[in-house]
């Protein structure tokens, strides 16, 4: 089917991400929107925009992410757990990968690819995750990309107290 496009939608704890691929698995569109806790309307807006961009196409749709279960229900499509989705994508597109670390808005996940798959997730700490990085960027009057630029010129490493549990 020539006009069939494949859509991946990740409804996370802070954002909605969409990627659209053609039949040759080429990425033809991607977008990233903050949902400000209004996941349903943000998902609807992202999908409405998709239909406006590609009015003559049909779509396959896969939903993942911490907020995708309810979105999948109201859209009537299948939900794929985010660690499973990540694992499948890595195995298919970058099969020689040893380890994947995925920083979400409120958690961090690590997948080890060896003779068997081992998956771990942090416990009660959001330190170092997307929401934490956003907050630090805001306090420093920049965005997350700006944090990288600021870090390039560091002169001192400051210790930070932590009550977080490790993902190890």
Protein backbone atom coordinates (compact mmCIF):
# COMPACT_ATOMS: atom_id res chain seq x y z
CA UNK A 1 0.00 0.00 0.00
CA UNK A 2 1.83 3.08 -1.29
CA UNK A 3 0.06 5.69 0.84
CA UNK A 4 0.47 3.79 4.13
CA UNK A 5 2.50 5.57 6.81
CA UNK A 6 3.67 4.14 10.13
CA UNK A 7 3.17 6.30 13.22
CA UNK A 8 4.78 5.88 16.61
CA UNK A 9 3.32 7.93 19.45
CA UNK A 10 5.04 8.16 22.84
CA UNK A 11 2.86 9.68 25.55
CA UNK A 12 5.27 10.34 28.38
CA UNK A 13 4.95 11.91 31.79
CA UNK A 14 5.71 15.39 30.43
CA UNK A 15 5.57 15.24 26.62
CA UNK A 16 3.98 13.64 23.57
CA UNK A 17 6.39 12.57 20.84
CA UNK A 18 5.38 11.44 17.34
CA UNK A 19 7.40 9.92 14.53
CA UNK A 20 6.12 9.05 11.06
CA UNK A 21 7.86 6.62 8.74
CA UNK A 22 7.17 5.65 5.14
CA UNK A 23 7.03 2.05 3.91
CA UNK A 24 10.83 2.05 3.53
CA UNK A 25 11.17 2.97 7.23
CA UNK A 26 12.46 6.45 6.38
CA UNK A 27 11.53 9.07 8.96
CA UNK A 28 9.45 11.71 7.19
CA UNK A 29 8.10 13.64 10.18
CA UNK A 30 8.68 13.98 13.90
CA UNK A 31 7.42 16.33 16.59
CA UNK A 32 7.68 16.85 20.33
CA UNK A 33 5.03 18.66 22.40
CA UNK A 34 4.72 19.31 26.13
CA UNK A 35 1.32 18.23 27.35
CA UNK A 36 1.19 20.12 30.67
CA UNK A 37 -0.81 17.21 32.17
CA UNK A 38 -3.44 17.47 29.41
CA UNK A 39 -2.45 14.29 27.59
CA UNK A 40 -5.80 13.62 25.91
CA UNK A 41 -6.06 17.01 24.19
CA UNK A 42 -2.37 17.03 23.28
CA UNK A 43 -2.61 13.56 21.72
CA UNK A 44 -5.73 14.66 19.81
CA UNK A 45 -3.97 17.84 18.59
CA UNK A 46 -0.89 15.90 17.48
CA UNK A 47 -3.04 13.38 15.57
CA UNK A 48 -5.20 16.12 14.02
CA UNK A 49 -2.02 17.84 12.82
CA UNK A 50 -0.87 14.50 11.37
CA UNK A 51 -4.11 14.17 9.39
CA UNK A 52 -3.74 17.72 8.04
CA UNK A 53 -0.15 17.04 6.96
CA UNK A 54 -0.96 13.71 5.28
CA UNK A 55 -4.65 13.86 4.26
CA UNK A 56 -4.34 11.23 1.52
CA UNK A 57 -2.58 8.62 3.63
CA UNK A 58 -3.61 5.68 5.77
CA UNK A 59 -1.74 4.92 8.98
CA UNK A 60 -0.58 2.19 11.29
CA UNK A 61 -0.32 3.44 14.87
CA UNK A 62 1.68 2.21 17.85
CA UNK A 63 1.35 3.85 21.27
CA UNK A 64 3.82 3.66 24.11
CA UNK A 65 4.82 5.62 27.20
CA UNK A 66 3.61 6.15 30.73
CA UNK A 67 0.51 8.07 29.59
CA UNK A 68 -0.28 5.95 26.56
CA UNK A 69 -2.43 3.31 28.21
CA UNK A 70 -5.42 5.64 28.60
CA UNK A 71 -4.72 7.19 25.18
CA UNK A 72 -4.73 3.72 23.61
CA UNK A 73 -8.09 3.03 25.28
CA UNK A 74 -9.79 6.17 24.00
CA UNK A 75 -8.28 5.71 20.51
CA UNK A 76 -9.10 2.00 20.43
CA UNK A 77 -5.55 0.90 19.54
CA UNK A 78 -2.96 -1.39 21.10
CA UNK A 79 -0.67 -0.16 23.88
CA UNK A 80 2.98 -1.31 23.90
CA UNK A 81 4.88 -0.97 27.20
CA UNK A 82 7.73 1.52 26.72
CA UNK A 83 10.64 -0.74 27.77
CA UNK A 84 9.33 -3.48 25.46
CA UNK A 85 8.95 -0.94 22.65
CA UNK A 86 12.50 0.34 23.16
CA UNK A 87 13.90 -3.20 23.26
CA UNK A 88 12.11 -4.18 20.03
CA UNK A 89 13.28 -1.04 18.19
CA UNK A 90 16.89 -1.50 19.26
CA UNK A 91 16.89 -5.18 18.27
CA UNK A 92 15.44 -4.32 14.86
CA UNK A 93 17.32 -1.13 13.92
CA UNK A 94 20.61 -1.28 15.87
CA UNK A 95 21.06 -4.97 16.70
CA UNK A 96 24.72 -4.72 17.76
CA UNK A 97 23.78 -2.55 20.75
CA UNK A 98 25.05 -3.71 24.16
CA UNK A 99 23.24 -1.30 26.52
CA UNK A 100 20.43 1.25 26.28
CA UNK A 101 19.83 3.92 28.90
CA UNK A 102 16.54 5.73 28.50
CA UNK A 103 15.83 8.85 30.54
CA UNK A 104 12.13 9.53 30.83
CA UNK A 105 10.45 12.52 32.39
CA UNK A 106 10.23 10.87 35.79
CA UNK A 107 12.27 7.68 35.63
CA UNK A 108 15.34 6.06 34.10
CA UNK A 109 15.53 2.64 32.51
CA UNK A 110 18.49 0.53 31.44
CA UNK A 111 18.43 -2.51 29.17
CA UNK A 112 21.41 -4.85 28.85
CA UNK A 113 21.54 -6.89 25.63
CA UNK A 114 23.58 -10.07 26.08
CA UNK A 115 22.75 -13.78 25.89
CA UNK A 116 19.58 -12.80 27.72
CA UNK A 117 17.86 -9.44 28.12
CA UNK A 118 18.18 -7.75 31.51
CA UNK A 119 16.08 -4.69 32.30
CA UNK A 120 16.31 -2.39 35.30
CA UNK A 121 14.51 0.75 36.36
CA UNK A 122 15.25 3.33 39.05
CA UNK A 123 13.08 3.26 42.16
CA UNK A 124 11.99 6.37 43.99
CA UNK A 125 14.17 9.05 42.41
CA UNK A 126 13.61 11.42 39.51
CA UNK A 127 17.12 12.92 39.71
CA UNK A 128 18.76 13.02 36.28
CA UNK A 129 15.51 12.40 34.42
CA UNK A 130 13.80 14.70 31.95
CA UNK A 131 11.65 16.55 34.49
CA UNK A 132 14.68 17.11 36.74
CA UNK A 133 16.79 18.36 33.82
CA UNK A 134 13.96 20.68 32.72
CA UNK A 135 13.73 22.10 36.24
CA UNK A 136 17.50 22.68 36.46
CA UNK A 137 17.51 24.31 33.02
CA UNK A 138 14.69 26.62 34.09
CA UNK A 139 16.56 27.62 37.25
CA UNK A 140 19.60 28.45 35.12
CA UNK A 141 17.46 30.39 32.58
CA UNK A 142 18.20 28.06 29.67
CA UNK A 143 16.80 24.91 28.06
CA UNK A 144 18.13 21.36 28.21
CA UNK A 145 20.36 21.93 25.16
CA UNK A 146 21.73 24.99 26.95
CA UNK A 147 22.74 22.80 29.90
CA UNK A 148 25.16 21.03 27.55
CA UNK A 149 26.71 24.34 26.54
CA UNK A 150 27.02 25.45 30.18
CA UNK A 151 28.64 22.12 31.13
CA UNK A 152 31.33 22.51 28.46
CA UNK A 153 32.92 25.36 30.38
CA UNK A 154 32.78 23.85 33.88
CA UNK A 155 35.60 24.55 36.30
CA UNK A 156 34.33 22.85 39.47
CA UNK A 157 32.30 19.71 40.13
CA UNK A 158 30.01 20.24 43.10
CA UNK A 159 28.80 17.32 45.22
CA UNK A 160 25.01 17.04 45.44
CA UNK A 161 23.33 15.26 48.34
CA UNK A 162 21.02 12.51 47.20
CA UNK A 163 18.50 10.13 48.67
CA UNK A 164 17.97 8.36 45.41
CA UNK A 165 18.26 4.63 44.90
CA UNK A 166 20.45 3.42 42.11
CA UNK A 167 19.16 1.47 39.09
CA UNK A 168 21.89 -1.10 39.65
